[in-house]
């Protein structure tokens, strides 16, 4: 586009902005991802302790349980 060739930081009026797409919203989700709460972290730590697995494996299992 001609306007981008002159100024790469300016959006071209021929290409309207897509207001429905946000940077921190993955496809298929309607809200941005939020950081885990202390209760969720405590539950993951308890699962890791109980099953004697790593914290990352406990997170994977918890997410698999949510998806199922």
Protein backbone atom coordinates (compact mmCIF):
# COMPACT_ATOMS: atom_id res chain seq x y z
CA UNK A 1 0.00 0.00 0.00
CA UNK A 2 1.18 3.46 -0.75
CA UNK A 3 0.55 4.96 2.69
CA UNK A 4 2.50 2.13 4.38
CA UNK A 5 5.45 2.73 2.05
CA UNK A 6 5.63 6.34 3.24
CA UNK A 7 5.02 5.64 6.93
CA UNK A 8 5.06 2.00 8.11
CA UNK A 9 3.50 2.91 11.48
CA UNK A 10 0.39 4.48 9.97
CA UNK A 11 -2.47 2.21 9.04
CA UNK A 12 -3.84 2.50 5.56
CA UNK A 13 -7.44 3.76 5.38
CA UNK A 14 -8.10 1.16 2.67
CA UNK A 15 -7.60 -1.58 5.28
CA UNK A 16 -10.01 -1.11 8.19
CA UNK A 17 -8.91 -2.35 11.61
CA UNK A 18 -10.40 -5.56 12.87
CA UNK A 19 -11.77 -4.50 16.24
CA UNK A 20 -12.93 -8.01 17.17
CA UNK A 21 -9.42 -9.44 17.30
CA UNK A 22 -7.33 -8.74 20.38
CA UNK A 23 -3.69 -9.67 20.80
CA UNK A 24 -4.13 -11.67 24.00
CA UNK A 25 -7.26 -13.63 22.98
CA UNK A 26 -6.46 -16.99 21.38
CA UNK A 27 -8.75 -18.21 18.57
CA UNK A 28 -11.95 -19.77 19.87
CA UNK A 29 -11.97 -17.79 23.12
CA UNK A 30 -14.13 -14.81 23.89
CA UNK A 31 -12.15 -13.36 26.81
CA UNK A 32 -8.46 -12.75 27.42
CA UNK A 33 -6.48 -15.29 29.39
CA UNK A 34 -6.16 -14.33 33.03
CA UNK A 35 -3.29 -15.35 35.31
CA UNK A 36 -4.08 -18.20 37.69
CA UNK A 37 -5.51 -17.36 41.09
CA UNK A 38 -3.83 -18.37 44.34
CA UNK A 39 -6.53 -21.02 44.84
CA UNK A 40 -5.80 -22.55 41.43
CA UNK A 41 -2.07 -22.57 42.13
CA UNK A 42 -2.66 -24.17 45.53
CA UNK A 43 -4.82 -26.86 43.91
CA UNK A 44 -2.11 -27.59 41.33
CA UNK A 45 0.55 -27.76 44.06
CA UNK A 46 -1.64 -30.10 46.11
CA UNK A 47 -2.15 -32.37 43.08
CA UNK A 48 1.61 -32.40 42.38
CA UNK A 49 2.34 -33.25 46.02
CA UNK A 50 -0.35 -35.94 46.20
CA UNK A 51 0.61 -37.65 42.92
CA UNK A 52 4.36 -37.06 43.41
CA UNK A 53 4.70 -35.41 40.00
CA UNK A 54 6.18 -32.14 38.78
CA UNK A 55 4.20 -28.93 38.87
CA UNK A 56 4.14 -28.67 35.07
CA UNK A 57 2.76 -32.22 34.80
CA UNK A 58 0.11 -31.35 37.39
CA UNK A 59 -0.87 -28.30 35.32
CA UNK A 60 -1.12 -30.49 32.20
CA UNK A 61 -3.35 -32.98 34.02
CA UNK A 62 -5.54 -30.21 35.44
CA UNK A 63 -5.99 -28.65 31.99
CA UNK A 64 -6.74 -32.06 30.48
CA UNK A 65 -9.41 -32.53 33.15
CA UNK A 66 -10.95 -29.17 32.26
CA UNK A 67 -10.97 -29.97 28.55
CA UNK A 68 -12.63 -33.36 29.06
